[in-house]
Amino acid sequence: LSGNCPTLDLDYNIYIEEALHGHLVAEVAFVPAAAIAGLVLTFLQRPKII
């Protein structure tokens, strides 16, 4: 094989702040969903079996 071979670039430029911001967005989206689910289950209770 002659010529230049492409090199593998392992520099992904991943910063911890970007990962934390993505995690924070997921948590912030989960809080209203949990609150809405709690309200729905409060008003639409299943009959108690026991």
N, C-alpha and C. Protein backbone atom coordinates (compact mmCIF):
# COMPACT_ATOMS: atom_id res chain seq x y z
N LEU A 1 0.84 -1.18 0.00
CA LEU A 1 0.00 0.00 0.00
C LEU A 1 0.88 1.24 0.00
N SER A 2 0.75 2.01 -1.01
CA SER A 2 1.53 3.24 -1.07
C SER A 2 0.62 4.45 -0.92
N GLY A 3 1.18 5.54 -0.51
CA GLY A 3 0.40 6.75 -0.33
C GLY A 3 0.11 7.00 1.14
N ASN A 4 -0.62 8.04 1.38
CA ASN A 4 -0.95 8.41 2.75
C ASN A 4 -2.17 7.65 3.23
N CYS A 5 -2.05 7.04 4.39
CA CYS A 5 -3.18 6.35 4.99
C CYS A 5 -3.91 7.32 5.92
N PRO A 6 -5.23 7.28 5.93
CA PRO A 6 -5.95 8.17 6.85
C PRO A 6 -5.71 7.74 8.29
N THR A 7 -5.58 8.71 9.15
CA THR A 7 -5.35 8.42 10.56
C THR A 7 -6.67 8.50 11.31
N LEU A 8 -6.73 7.78 12.39
CA LEU A 8 -7.93 7.76 13.22
C LEU A 8 -7.86 8.92 14.21
N ASP A 9 -8.85 9.79 14.16
CA ASP A 9 -8.87 10.95 15.04
C ASP A 9 -9.72 10.63 16.25
N LEU A 10 -9.09 10.53 17.41
CA LEU A 10 -9.81 10.20 18.64
C LEU A 10 -10.11 11.43 19.48
N ASP A 11 -9.90 12.61 18.93
CA ASP A 11 -10.16 13.85 19.67
C ASP A 11 -11.61 14.25 19.45
N TYR A 12 -12.48 13.83 20.36
CA TYR A 12 -13.91 14.07 20.19
C TYR A 12 -14.34 15.42 20.74
N ASN A 13 -13.47 16.10 21.48
CA ASN A 13 -13.79 17.39 22.08
C ASN A 13 -15.05 17.32 22.94
N ILE A 14 -15.10 16.34 23.82
CA ILE A 14 -16.24 16.21 24.73
C ILE A 14 -15.88 16.93 26.02
N TYR A 15 -16.71 17.87 26.38
CA TYR A 15 -16.47 18.64 27.60
C TYR A 15 -17.48 18.22 28.65
N ILE A 16 -17.06 18.24 29.90
CA ILE A 16 -17.93 17.78 30.99
C ILE A 16 -19.12 18.71 31.15
N GLU A 17 -18.97 20.00 30.84
CA GLU A 17 -20.09 20.93 30.98
C GLU A 17 -21.21 20.58 30.02
N GLU A 18 -20.86 20.18 28.79
CA GLU A 18 -21.90 19.82 27.83
C GLU A 18 -22.65 18.57 28.29
N ALA A 19 -21.93 17.61 28.85
CA ALA A 19 -22.59 16.40 29.34
C ALA A 19 -23.50 16.72 30.51
N LEU A 20 -23.04 17.61 31.41
CA LEU A 20 -23.86 17.97 32.55
C LEU A 20 -25.09 18.77 32.13
N HIS A 21 -24.95 19.63 31.13
CA HIS A 21 -26.11 20.39 30.66
C HIS A 21 -27.14 19.46 30.02
N GLY A 22 -26.69 18.47 29.29
CA GLY A 22 -27.62 17.51 28.71
C GLY A 22 -28.36 16.73 29.78
N HIS A 23 -27.65 16.37 30.84
CA HIS A 23 -28.27 15.64 31.94
C HIS A 23 -29.26 16.53 32.68
N LEU A 24 -28.93 17.81 32.83
CA LEU A 24 -29.81 18.75 33.51
C LEU A 24 -31.10 18.94 32.72
N VAL A 25 -31.00 19.02 31.41
CA VAL A 25 -32.20 19.17 30.57
C VAL A 25 -33.10 17.96 30.72
N ALA A 26 -32.52 16.78 30.79
CA ALA A 26 -33.33 15.56 30.96
C ALA A 26 -34.03 15.56 32.32
N GLU A 27 -33.33 16.01 33.36
CA GLU A 27 -33.95 16.05 34.68
C GLU A 27 -35.06 17.09 34.74
N VAL A 28 -34.84 18.25 34.14
CA VAL A 28 -35.85 19.31 34.15
C VAL A 28 -37.08 18.87 33.38
N ALA A 29 -36.91 18.09 32.33
CA ALA A 29 -38.06 17.59 31.58
C ALA A 29 -38.81 16.51 32.36
N PHE A 30 -38.10 15.79 33.23
CA PHE A 30 -38.73 14.70 33.98
C PHE A 30 -39.61 15.22 35.10
N VAL A 31 -39.25 16.35 35.70
CA VAL A 31 -39.99 16.87 36.86
C VAL A 31 -41.44 17.21 36.50
N PRO A 32 -41.72 17.99 35.44
CA PRO A 32 -43.13 18.25 35.10
C PRO A 32 -43.88 16.98 34.70
N ALA A 33 -43.20 16.06 34.04
CA ALA A 33 -43.87 14.82 33.64
C ALA A 33 -44.28 14.02 34.87
N ALA A 34 -43.43 13.98 35.88
CA ALA A 34 -43.76 13.26 37.11
C ALA A 34 -44.90 13.95 37.85
N ALA A 35 -44.91 15.28 37.85
CA ALA A 35 -45.99 16.02 38.52
C ALA A 35 -47.32 15.78 37.82
N ILE A 36 -47.32 15.81 36.50
CA ILE A 36 -48.56 15.58 35.74
C ILE A 36 -49.04 14.15 35.96
N ALA A 37 -48.13 13.20 35.96
CA ALA A 37 -48.52 11.81 36.19
C ALA A 37 -49.10 11.65 37.59
N GLY A 38 -48.54 12.34 38.57
CA GLY A 38 -49.08 12.28 39.93
C GLY A 38 -50.48 12.85 40.01
N LEU A 39 -50.73 13.97 39.34
CA LEU A 39 -52.06 14.56 39.34
C LEU A 39 -53.08 13.67 38.63
N VAL A 40 -52.67 13.10 37.52
CA VAL A 40 -53.58 12.21 36.78
C VAL A 40 -53.94 11.00 37.62
N LEU A 41 -52.95 10.42 38.29
CA LEU A 41 -53.23 9.26 39.13
C LEU A 41 -54.06 9.63 40.36
N THR A 42 -53.97 10.87 40.80
CA THR A 42 -54.79 11.30 41.93
C THR A 42 -56.26 11.36 41.53
N PHE A 43 -56.54 11.87 40.34
CA PHE A 43 -57.93 12.02 39.90
C PHE A 43 -58.49 10.74 39.29
N LEU A 44 -57.65 9.90 38.74
CA LEU A 44 -58.11 8.67 38.09
C LEU A 44 -57.57 7.46 38.84
N GLN A 45 -57.99 7.31 40.06
CA GLN A 45 -57.49 6.19 40.87
C GLN A 45 -58.14 4.89 40.42
N ARG A 46 -57.32 3.86 40.43
CA ARG A 46 -57.87 2.54 40.16
C ARG A 46 -58.57 2.04 41.42
N PRO A 47 -59.57 1.21 41.28
CA PRO A 47 -60.24 0.68 42.47
C PRO A 47 -59.27 -0.18 43.28
N LYS A 48 -59.35 -0.05 44.57
CA LYS A 48 -58.46 -0.82 45.45
C LYS A 48 -58.94 -2.27 45.51
N ILE A 49 -58.01 -3.18 45.32
CA ILE A 49 -58.36 -4.60 45.31
C ILE A 49 -58.41 -5.15 46.72
N ILE A 50 -57.48 -4.71 47.54
CA ILE A 50 -57.43 -5.23 48.91
C ILE A 50 -58.05 -4.21 49.85
